[in-house]
Structure formats: structure tokens, C-alpha cells
Amino acid sequence: MTRLNLTDLREMKASQTKITMLTSYDASFSKVLDAAGVDIILVGDSLGTVVQGHESTVPVTVDDMIYHCRHVLRGSQRAFVVIDMPFMSYATPQQAA
């Protein structure tokens, strides 16, 4: 099974095929989402509150995001994986581009 890519998503949009997206933070849940046919899996910085127990997402680091993204990628085969950039992970909008 090959992983969806941006071209696939553009074609789905052009043909008005519904695109599904859900959030996952680990391999086991991303495996379930993949098996269910979810098109996009988001690794959200919400992991700060949901997984790490913080009061907000502010303490989440880029390293935290990379760690969880690795597990989501390991658990999925088909879904396109999107990862949030945590708060203040870049100093200017130009650095984010």
C-alpha cells in the first residue's frame, strides 16, 4: 500500500471526493485510523494537553512533535500525515515558510 501524497489529495478535491482527517499521537491509534481509511492523520500540538497533561499547548516542543510523528508514521501506511508546528517554533513568518 502506498502513502497518499499531495497530488492524490488534489485529485480527490478536484473529483469532489470527500477527504477525511483525524488526529493521532501514537502508532496504535494511527494503525486503527489507517485501517478505517482515514485519508489524513494530524499530529496536533494538542498532544500537550491530551497526552502530556499540560494546561495548554505552549510547552510542546518541536522535538515532542517529531517524537510523536515518528510513531504515527510507523503505525500508518496509507494516510498522509500532517504535523503541527508548536507555538513559537519559529520567530518570524518568513522562517515558517
PDB file of N, CA and C in Angstrom:
ATOM      1  N   MET A   1       0.851  -1.179   0.000  1.00  0.00           N
ATOM      2  CA  MET A   1       0.000   0.000   0.000  1.00  0.00           C
ATOM      3  C   MET A   1       0.894   1.239   0.000  1.00  0.00           C
ATOM      4  N   THR A   2       0.584   2.191  -0.859  1.00  0.00           N
ATOM      5  CA  THR A   2       1.389   3.411  -0.917  1.00  0.00           C
ATOM      6  C   THR A   2       0.700   4.539  -0.150  1.00  0.00           C
ATOM      7  N   ARG A   3       1.520   5.397   0.410  1.00  0.00           N
ATOM      8  CA  ARG A   3       1.016   6.524   1.183  1.00  0.00           C
ATOM      9  C   ARG A   3       0.453   7.597   0.254  1.00  0.00           C
ATOM     10  N   LEU A   4      -0.690   8.171   0.646  1.00  0.00           N
ATOM     11  CA  LEU A   4      -1.257   9.282  -0.111  1.00  0.00           C
ATOM     12  C   LEU A   4      -0.273  10.444  -0.129  1.00  0.00           C
ATOM     13  N   ASN A   5      -0.300  11.207  -1.210  1.00  0.00           N
ATOM     14  CA  ASN A   5       0.566  12.383  -1.302  1.00  0.00           C
ATOM     15  C   ASN A   5      -0.275  13.592  -1.716  1.00  0.00           C
ATOM     16  N   LEU A   6       0.355  14.740  -1.865  1.00  0.00           N
ATOM     17  CA  LEU A   6      -0.382  15.960  -2.202  1.00  0.00           C
ATOM     18  C   LEU A   6      -1.089  15.856  -3.549  1.00  0.00           C
ATOM     19  N   THR A   7      -0.491  15.188  -4.498  1.00  0.00           N
ATOM     20  CA  THR A   7      -1.128  15.002  -5.797  1.00  0.00           C
ATOM     21  C   THR A   7      -2.420  14.210  -5.635  1.00  0.00           C
ATOM     22  N   ASP A   8      -2.378  13.147  -4.836  1.00  0.00           N
ATOM     23  CA  ASP A   8      -3.579  12.349  -4.578  1.00  0.00           C
ATOM     24  C   ASP A   8      -4.675  13.204  -3.943  1.00  0.00           C
ATOM     25  N   LEU A   9      -4.296  14.022  -2.980  1.00  0.00           N
ATOM     26  CA  LEU A   9      -5.279  14.869  -2.296  1.00  0.00           C
ATOM     27  C   LEU A   9      -5.867  15.904  -3.253  1.00  0.00           C
ATOM     28  N   ARG A  10      -5.042  16.472  -4.126  1.00  0.00           N
ATOM     29  CA  ARG A  10      -5.540  17.431  -5.129  1.00  0.00           C
ATOM     30  C   ARG A  10      -6.543  16.761  -6.074  1.00  0.00           C
ATOM     31  N   GLU A  11      -6.221  15.536  -6.483  1.00  0.00           N
ATOM     32  CA  GLU A  11      -7.119  14.793  -7.374  1.00  0.00           C
ATOM     33  C   GLU A  11      -8.439  14.475  -6.665  1.00  0.00           C
ATOM     34  N   MET A  12      -8.357  14.133  -5.385  1.00  0.00           N
ATOM     35  CA  MET A  12      -9.577  13.865  -4.618  1.00  0.00           C
ATOM     36  C   MET A  12     -10.442  15.121  -4.542  1.00  0.00           C
ATOM     37  N   LYS A  13      -9.806  16.236  -4.299  1.00  0.00           N
ATOM     38  CA  LYS A  13     -10.545  17.509  -4.231  1.00  0.00           C
ATOM     39  C   LYS A  13     -11.169  17.844  -5.581  1.00  0.00           C
ATOM     40  N   ALA A  14     -10.394  17.691  -6.636  1.00  0.00           N
ATOM     41  CA  ALA A  14     -10.890  18.015  -7.971  1.00  0.00           C
ATOM     42  C   ALA A  14     -12.086  17.143  -8.358  1.00  0.00           C
ATOM     43  N   SER A  15     -12.079  15.895  -7.919  1.00  0.00           N
ATOM     44  CA  SER A  15     -13.188  14.986  -8.240  1.00  0.00           C
ATOM     45  C   SER A  15     -14.293  15.041  -7.187  1.00  0.00           C
ATOM     46  N   GLN A  16     -14.156  15.970  -6.250  1.00  0.00           N
ATOM     47  CA  GLN A  16     -15.119  16.177  -5.171  1.00  0.00           C
ATOM     48  C   GLN A  16     -15.285  14.947  -4.287  1.00  0.00           C
ATOM     49  N   THR A  17     -14.219  14.165  -4.179  1.00  0.00           N
ATOM     50  CA  THR A  17     -14.201  13.038  -3.250  1.00  0.00           C
ATOM     51  C   THR A  17     -13.992  13.585  -1.850  1.00  0.00           C
ATOM     52  N   LYS A  18     -14.798  13.144  -0.912  1.00  0.00           N
ATOM     53  CA  LYS A  18     -14.644  13.622   0.461  1.00  0.00           C
ATOM     54  C   LYS A  18     -13.307  13.148   1.021  1.00  0.00           C
ATOM     55  N   ILE A  19     -12.636  14.045   1.738  1.00  0.00           N
ATOM     56  CA  ILE A  19     -11.336  13.766   2.344  1.00  0.00           C
ATOM     57  C   ILE A  19     -11.537  13.763   3.857  1.00  0.00           C
ATOM     58  N   THR A  20     -11.086  12.692   4.494  1.00  0.00           N
ATOM     59  CA  THR A  20     -11.239  12.586   5.938  1.00  0.00           C
ATOM     60  C   THR A  20      -9.922  12.870   6.645  1.00  0.00           C
ATOM     61  N   MET A  21     -10.008  13.477   7.833  1.00  0.00           N
ATOM     62  CA  MET A  21      -8.814  13.803   8.611  1.00  0.00           C
ATOM     63  C   MET A  21      -9.146  13.678  10.096  1.00  0.00           C
ATOM     64  N   LEU A  22      -8.327  12.956  10.808  1.00  0.00           N
ATOM     65  CA  LEU A  22      -8.463  12.818  12.261  1.00  0.00           C
ATOM     66  C   LEU A  22      -7.088  12.947  12.899  1.00  0.00           C
ATOM     67  N   THR A  23      -7.083  13.112  14.204  1.00  0.00           N
ATOM     68  CA  THR A  23      -5.842  13.309  14.949  1.00  0.00           C
ATOM     69  C   THR A  23      -5.392  12.025  15.622  1.00  0.00           C
ATOM     70  N   SER A  24      -4.090  11.810  15.630  1.00  0.00           N
ATOM     71  CA  SER A  24      -3.491  10.691  16.353  1.00  0.00           C
ATOM     72  C   SER A  24      -2.147  11.133  16.913  1.00  0.00           C
ATOM     73  N   TYR A  25      -1.755  10.488  17.993  1.00  0.00           N
ATOM     74  CA  TYR A  25      -0.477  10.808  18.627  1.00  0.00           C
ATOM     75  C   TYR A  25       0.440   9.586  18.753  1.00  0.00           C
ATOM     76  N   ASP A  26      -0.054   8.404  18.353  1.00  0.00           N
ATOM     77  CA  ASP A  26       0.747   7.191  18.556  1.00  0.00           C
ATOM     78  C   ASP A  26       0.511   6.170  17.442  1.00  0.00           C
ATOM     79  N   ALA A  27       1.333   5.131  17.438  1.00  0.00           N
ATOM     80  CA  ALA A  27       1.295   4.118  16.390  1.00  0.00           C
ATOM     81  C   ALA A  27       0.021   3.290  16.438  1.00  0.00           C
ATOM     82  N   SER A  28      -0.433   2.908  17.620  1.00  0.00           N
ATOM     83  CA  SER A  28      -1.594   2.015  17.692  1.00  0.00           C
ATOM     84  C   SER A  28      -2.853   2.695  17.173  1.00  0.00           C
ATOM     85  N   PHE A  29      -3.093   3.947  17.538  1.00  0.00           N
ATOM     86  CA  PHE A  29      -4.290   4.633  17.069  1.00  0.00           C
ATOM     87  C   PHE A  29      -4.182   4.986  15.591  1.00  0.00           C
ATOM     88  N   SER A  30      -2.991   5.343  15.129  1.00  0.00           N
ATOM     89  CA  SER A  30      -2.845   5.652  13.707  1.00  0.00           C
ATOM     90  C   SER A  30      -3.050   4.401  12.857  1.00  0.00           C
ATOM     91  N   LYS A  31      -2.720   3.253  13.390  1.00  0.00           N
ATOM     92  CA  LYS A  31      -2.963   1.991  12.683  1.00  0.00           C
ATOM     93  C   LYS A  31      -4.472   1.769  12.524  1.00  0.00           C
ATOM     94  N   VAL A  32      -5.236   2.063  13.562  1.00  0.00           N
ATOM     95  CA  VAL A  32      -6.698   1.949  13.509  1.00  0.00           C
ATOM     96  C   VAL A  32      -7.273   2.930  12.491  1.00  0.00           C
ATOM     97  N   LEU A  33      -6.808   4.177  12.536  1.00  0.00           N
ATOM     98  CA  LEU A  33      -7.301   5.183  11.596  1.00  0.00           C
ATOM     99  C   LEU A  33      -6.972   4.800  10.162  1.00  0.00           C
ATOM    100  N   ASP A  34      -5.783   4.296   9.947  1.00  0.00           N
ATOM    101  CA  ASP A  34      -5.358   3.873   8.616  1.00  0.00           C
ATOM    102  C   ASP A  34      -6.251   2.735   8.119  1.00  0.00           C
ATOM    103  N   ALA A  35      -6.505   1.762   8.973  1.00  0.00           N
ATOM    104  CA  ALA A  35      -7.349   0.625   8.607  1.00  0.00           C
ATOM    105  C   ALA A  35      -8.783   1.068   8.299  1.00  0.00           C
ATOM    106  N   ALA A  36      -9.213   2.148   8.942  1.00  0.00           N
ATOM    107  CA  ALA A  36     -10.563   2.675   8.713  1.00  0.00           C
ATOM    108  C   ALA A  36     -10.648   3.507   7.439  1.00  0.00           C
ATOM    109  N   GLY A  37      -9.505   3.764   6.804  1.00  0.00           N
ATOM    110  CA  GLY A  37      -9.491   4.503   5.555  1.00  0.00           C
ATOM    111  C   GLY A  37      -9.397   6.010   5.697  1.00  0.00           C
ATOM    112  N   VAL A  38      -8.984   6.493   6.864  1.00  0.00           N
ATOM    113  CA  VAL A  38      -8.803   7.937   7.057  1.00  0.00           C
ATOM    114  C   VAL A  38      -7.700   8.409   6.110  1.00  0.00           C
ATOM    115  N   ASP A  39      -7.963   9.507   5.408  1.00  0.00           N
ATOM    116  CA  ASP A  39      -7.029   9.989   4.387  1.00  0.00           C
ATOM    117  C   ASP A  39      -5.847  10.768   4.960  1.00  0.00           C
ATOM    118  N   ILE A  40      -6.110  11.596   5.965  1.00  0.00           N
ATOM    119  CA  ILE A  40      -5.067  12.430   6.557  1.00  0.00           C
ATOM    120  C   ILE A  40      -5.074  12.223   8.064  1.00  0.00           C
ATOM    121  N   ILE A  41      -3.895  12.033   8.630  1.00  0.00           N
ATOM    122  CA  ILE A  41      -3.750  11.965  10.086  1.00  0.00           C
ATOM    123  C   ILE A  41      -2.959  13.183  10.522  1.00  0.00           C
ATOM    124  N   LEU A  42      -3.543  13.927  11.444  1.00  0.00           N
ATOM    125  CA  LEU A  42      -2.891  15.110  12.007  1.00  0.00           C
ATOM    126  C   LEU A  42      -2.223  14.740  13.321  1.00  0.00           C
ATOM    127  N   VAL A  43      -0.962  15.089  13.452  1.00  0.00           N
ATOM    128  CA  VAL A  43      -0.281  15.016  14.743  1.00  0.00           C
ATOM    129  C   VAL A  43      -0.333  16.438  15.280  1.00  0.00           C
ATOM    130  N   GLY A  44      -1.282  16.685  16.158  1.00  0.00           N
ATOM    131  CA  GLY A  44      -1.525  18.035  16.632  1.00  0.00           C
ATOM    132  C   GLY A  44      -0.740  18.385  17.875  1.00  0.00           C
ATOM    133  N   ASP A  45      -0.444  19.681  18.029  1.00  0.00           N
ATOM    134  CA  ASP A  45       0.232  20.113  19.253  1.00  0.00           C
ATOM    135  C   ASP A  45      -0.698  20.003  20.456  1.00  0.00           C
ATOM    136  N   SER A  46      -1.961  19.650  20.201  1.00  0.00           N
ATOM    137  CA  SER A  46      -2.889  19.358  21.294  1.00  0.00           C
ATOM    138  C   SER A  46      -2.397  18.188  22.141  1.00  0.00           C
ATOM    139  N   LEU A  47      -1.381  17.470  21.666  1.00  0.00           N
ATOM    140  CA  LEU A  47      -0.799  16.401  22.470  1.00  0.00           C
ATOM    141  C   LEU A  47      -0.279  16.933  23.805  1.00  0.00           C
ATOM    142  N   GLY A  48       0.010  18.220  23.852  1.00  0.00           N
ATOM    143  CA  GLY A  48       0.447  18.831  25.115  1.00  0.00           C
ATOM    144  C   GLY A  48      -0.591  18.703  26.211  1.00  0.00           C
ATOM    145  N   THR A  49      -1.861  18.894  25.865  1.00  0.00           N
ATOM    146  CA  THR A  49      -2.928  18.774  26.856  1.00  0.00           C
ATOM    147  C   THR A  49      -3.477  17.357  26.927  1.00  0.00           C
ATOM    148  N   VAL A  50      -3.587  16.684  25.783  1.00  0.00           N
ATOM    149  CA  VAL A  50      -4.204  15.363  25.736  1.00  0.00           C
ATOM    150  C   VAL A  50      -3.285  14.265  26.264  1.00  0.00           C
ATOM    151  N   VAL A  51      -2.017  14.305  25.895  1.00  0.00           N
ATOM    152  CA  VAL A  51      -1.077  13.239  26.241  1.00  0.00           C
ATOM    153  C   VAL A  51      -0.153  13.627  27.393  1.00  0.00           C
ATOM    154  N   GLN A  52       0.383  14.849  27.342  1.00  0.00           N
ATOM    155  CA  GLN A  52       1.391  15.258  28.316  1.00  0.00           C
ATOM    156  C   GLN A  52       0.816  15.865  29.588  1.00  0.00           C
ATOM    157  N   GLY A  53      -0.462  16.214  29.585  1.00  0.00           N
ATOM    158  CA  GLY A  53      -1.101  16.741  30.781  1.00  0.00           C
ATOM    159  C   GLY A  53      -0.837  18.201  31.096  1.00  0.00           C
ATOM    160  N   HIS A  54      -0.352  18.956  30.128  1.00  0.00           N
ATOM    161  CA  HIS A  54      -0.120  20.382  30.334  1.00  0.00           C
ATOM    162  C   HIS A  54      -1.447  21.141  30.346  1.00  0.00           C
ATOM    163  N   GLU A  55      -1.420  22.339  30.880  1.00  0.00           N
ATOM    164  CA  GLU A  55      -2.603  23.208  30.909  1.00  0.00           C
ATOM    165  C   GLU A  55      -2.896  23.791  29.527  1.00  0.00           C
ATOM    166  N   SER A  56      -1.870  23.875  28.671  1.00  0.00           N
ATOM    167  CA  SER A  56      -2.033  24.417  27.323  1.00  0.00           C
ATOM    168  C   SER A  56      -1.048  23.710  26.397  1.00  0.00           C
ATOM    169  N   THR A  57      -1.053  24.148  25.145  1.00  0.00           N
ATOM    170  CA  THR A  57      -0.127  23.562  24.168  1.00  0.00           C
ATOM    171  C   THR A  57       1.220  24.289  24.134  1.00  0.00           C
ATOM    172  N   VAL A  58       1.339  25.362  24.871  1.00  0.00           N
ATOM    173  CA  VAL A  58       2.551  26.202  24.821  1.00  0.00           C
ATOM    174  C   VAL A  58       3.835  25.439  25.152  1.00  0.00           C
ATOM    175  N   PRO A  59       3.852  24.518  26.139  1.00  0.00           N
ATOM    176  CA  PRO A  59       5.109  23.826  26.451  1.00  0.00           C
ATOM    177  C   PRO A  59       5.577  22.802  25.414  1.00  0.00           C
ATOM    178  N   VAL A  60       4.746  22.482  24.427  1.00  0.00           N
ATOM    179  CA  VAL A  60       5.110  21.465  23.434  1.00  0.00           C
ATOM    180  C   VAL A  60       6.275  21.968  22.582  1.00  0.00           C
ATOM    181  N   THR A  61       7.263  21.107  22.390  1.00  0.00           N
ATOM    182  CA  THR A  61       8.458  21.468  21.620  1.00  0.00           C
ATOM    183  C   THR A  61       8.442  20.800  20.243  1.00  0.00           C
ATOM    184  N   VAL A  62       9.317  21.256  19.378  1.00  0.00           N
ATOM    185  CA  VAL A  62       9.479  20.625  18.069  1.00  0.00           C
ATOM    186  C   VAL A  62       9.915  19.173  18.261  1.00  0.00           C
ATOM    187  N   ASP A  63      10.796  18.922  19.213  1.00  0.00           N
ATOM    188  CA  ASP A  63      11.233  17.545  19.480  1.00  0.00           C
ATOM    189  C   ASP A  63      10.068  16.656  19.903  1.00  0.00           C
ATOM    190  N   ASP A  64       9.138  17.190  20.705  1.00  0.00           N
ATOM    191  CA  ASP A  64       7.938  16.430  21.081  1.00  0.00           C
ATOM    192  C   ASP A  64       7.141  16.053  19.836  1.00  0.00           C
ATOM    193  N   MET A  65       6.969  17.014  18.944  1.00  0.00           N
ATOM    194  CA  MET A  65       6.193  16.795  17.731  1.00  0.00           C
ATOM    195  C   MET A  65       6.860  15.737  16.841  1.00  0.00           C
ATOM    196  N   ILE A  66       8.165  15.811  16.706  1.00  0.00           N
ATOM    197  CA  ILE A  66       8.904  14.833  15.900  1.00  0.00           C
ATOM    198  C   ILE A  66       8.765  13.446  16.499  1.00  0.00           C
ATOM    199  N   TYR A  67       8.880  13.344  17.810  1.00  0.00           N
ATOM    200  CA  TYR A  67       8.759  12.063  18.511  1.00  0.00           C
ATOM    201  C   TYR A  67       7.410  11.397  18.199  1.00  0.00           C
ATOM    202  N   HIS A  68       6.329  12.150  18.345  1.00  0.00           N
ATOM    203  CA  HIS A  68       5.003  11.585  18.114  1.00  0.00           C
ATOM    204  C   HIS A  68       4.751  11.325  16.629  1.00  0.00           C
ATOM    205  N   CYS A  69       5.266  12.175  15.771  1.00  0.00           N
ATOM    206  CA  CYS A  69       5.103  11.973  14.332  1.00  0.00           C
ATOM    207  C   CYS A  69       5.765  10.668  13.889  1.00  0.00           C
ATOM    208  N   ARG A  70       6.914  10.372  14.429  1.00  0.00           N
ATOM    209  CA  ARG A  70       7.589   9.106  14.093  1.00  0.00           C
ATOM    210  C   ARG A  70       6.695   7.909  14.391  1.00  0.00           C
ATOM    211  N   HIS A  71       6.034   7.940  15.538  1.00  0.00           N
ATOM    212  CA  HIS A  71       5.167   6.820  15.925  1.00  0.00           C
ATOM    213  C   HIS A  71       3.935   6.731  15.031  1.00  0.00           C
ATOM    214  N   VAL A  72       3.358   7.877  14.698  1.00  0.00           N
ATOM    215  CA  VAL A  72       2.193   7.891  13.810  1.00  0.00           C
ATOM    216  C   VAL A  72       2.583   7.350  12.431  1.00  0.00           C
ATOM    217  N   LEU A  73       3.711   7.760  11.919  1.00  0.00           N
ATOM    218  CA  LEU A  73       4.179   7.247  10.627  1.00  0.00           C
ATOM    219  C   LEU A  73       4.417   5.748  10.685  1.00  0.00           C
ATOM    220  N   ARG A  74       4.956   5.280  11.785  1.00  0.00           N
ATOM    221  CA  ARG A  74       5.232   3.858  11.949  1.00  0.00           C
ATOM    222  C   ARG A  74       3.939   3.038  11.960  1.00  0.00           C
ATOM    223  N   GLY A  75       2.869   3.614  12.495  1.00  0.00           N
ATOM    224  CA  GLY A  75       1.607   2.886  12.604  1.00  0.00           C
ATOM    225  C   GLY A  75       0.722   2.969  11.383  1.00  0.00           C
ATOM    226  N   SER A  76       1.011   3.877  10.488  1.00  0.00           N
ATOM    227  CA  SER A  76       0.152   4.051   9.305  1.00  0.00           C
ATOM    228  C   SER A  76       0.931   3.724   8.039  1.00  0.00           C
ATOM    229  N   GLN A  77       0.182   3.339   7.019  1.00  0.00           N
ATOM    230  CA  GLN A  77       0.813   3.029   5.739  1.00  0.00           C
ATOM    231  C   GLN A  77       0.252   3.868   4.596  1.00  0.00           C
ATOM    232  N   ARG A  78      -1.048   4.211   4.676  1.00  0.00           N
ATOM    233  CA  ARG A  78      -1.715   4.886   3.565  1.00  0.00           C
ATOM    234  C   ARG A  78      -1.939   6.371   3.809  1.00  0.00           C
ATOM    235  N   ALA A  79      -2.277   6.749   5.006  1.00  0.00           N
ATOM    236  CA  ALA A  79      -2.694   8.120   5.298  1.00  0.00           C
ATOM    237  C   ALA A  79      -1.548   9.119   5.097  1.00  0.00           C
ATOM    238  N   PHE A  80      -1.913  10.295   4.596  1.00  0.00           N
ATOM    239  CA  PHE A  80      -0.998  11.432   4.524  1.00  0.00           C
ATOM    240  C   PHE A  80      -0.890  11.979   5.949  1.00  0.00           C
ATOM    241  N   VAL A  81       0.308  12.205   6.436  1.00  0.00           N
ATOM    242  CA  VAL A  81       0.496  12.655   7.823  1.00  0.00           C
ATOM    243  C   VAL A  81       0.910  14.124   7.838  1.00  0.00           C
ATOM    244  N   VAL A  82       0.178  14.901   8.644  1.00  0.00           N
ATOM    245  CA  VAL A  82       0.438  16.333   8.813  1.00  0.00           C
ATOM    246  C   VAL A  82       0.834  16.555  10.264  1.00  0.00           C
ATOM    247  N   ILE A  83       1.836  17.397  10.489  1.00  0.00           N
ATOM    248  CA  ILE A  83       2.298  17.665  11.847  1.00  0.00           C
ATOM    249  C   ILE A  83       2.224  19.168  12.120  1.00  0.00           C
ATOM    250  N   ASP A  84       1.666  19.515  13.284  1.00  0.00           N
ATOM    251  CA  ASP A  84       1.613  20.916  13.704  1.00  0.00           C
ATOM    252  C   ASP A  84       2.996  21.443  14.036  1.00  0.00           C
ATOM    253  N   MET A  85       3.164  22.735  13.826  1.00  0.00           N
ATOM    254  CA  MET A  85       4.350  23.425  14.334  1.00  0.00           C
ATOM    255  C   MET A  85       3.949  24.018  15.681  1.00  0.00           C
ATOM    256  N   PRO A  86       4.655  23.665  16.746  1.00  0.00           N
ATOM    257  CA  PRO A  86       4.261  24.171  18.061  1.00  0.00           C
ATOM    258  C   PRO A  86       4.477  25.680  18.207  1.00  0.00           C
ATOM    259  N   PHE A  87       3.819  26.233  19.197  1.00  0.00           N
ATOM    260  CA  PHE A  87       3.873  27.657  19.486  1.00  0.00           C
ATOM    261  C   PHE A  87       5.320  28.150  19.571  1.00  0.00           C
ATOM    262  N   MET A  88       5.604  29.235  18.860  1.00  0.00           N
ATOM    263  CA  MET A  88       6.924  29.886  18.848  1.00  0.00           C
ATOM    264  C   MET A  88       8.065  28.970  18.361  1.00  0.00           C
ATOM    265  N   SER A  89       7.728  28.012  17.498  1.00  0.00           N
ATOM    266  CA  SER A  89       8.791  27.164  16.941  1.00  0.00           C
ATOM    267  C   SER A  89       9.545  27.896  15.830  1.00  0.00           C
ATOM    268  N   TYR A  90       9.034  29.048  15.467  1.00  0.00           N
ATOM    269  CA  TYR A  90       9.740  29.928  14.528  1.00  0.00           C
ATOM    270  C   TYR A  90       9.530  31.365  15.005  1.00  0.00           C
ATOM    271  N   ALA A  91      10.504  32.194  14.749  1.00  0.00           N
ATOM    272  CA  ALA A  91      10.471  33.558  15.277  1.00  0.00           C
ATOM    273  C   ALA A  91       9.741  34.542  14.360  1.00  0.00           C
ATOM    274  N   THR A  92       9.759  34.267  13.058  1.00  0.00           N
ATOM    275  CA  THR A  92       9.109  35.182  12.104  1.00  0.00           C
ATOM    276  C   THR A  92       8.316  34.367  11.091  1.00  0.00           C
ATOM    277  N   PRO A  93       7.324  34.968  10.458  1.00  0.00           N
ATOM    278  CA  PRO A  93       6.571  34.266   9.411  1.00  0.00           C
ATOM    279  C   PRO A  93       7.468  33.798   8.270  1.00  0.00           C
ATOM    280  N   GLN A  94       8.552  34.519   7.987  1.00  0.00           N
ATOM    281  CA  GLN A  94       9.476  34.122   6.912  1.00  0.00           C
ATOM    282  C   GLN A  94      10.165  32.798   7.260  1.00  0.00           C
ATOM    283  N   GLN A  95      10.478  32.585   8.525  1.00  0.00           N
ATOM    284  CA  GLN A  95      11.100  31.327   8.919  1.00  0.00           C
ATOM    285  C   GLN A  95      10.124  30.171   8.787  1.00  0.00           C
ATOM    286  N   ALA A  96       8.841  30.421   8.929  1.00  0.00           N
ATOM    287  CA  ALA A  96       7.849  29.373   8.835  1.00  0.00           C
ATOM    288  C   ALA A  96       7.613  28.921   7.397  1.00  0.00           C
ATOM    289  N   ALA A  97       7.910  29.779   6.444  1.00  0.00           N
ATOM    290  CA  ALA A  97       7.628  29.462   5.025  1.00  0.00           C
ATOM    291  C   ALA A  97       8.568  28.471   4.446  1.00  0.00           C
TER     292      ALA A  97
END
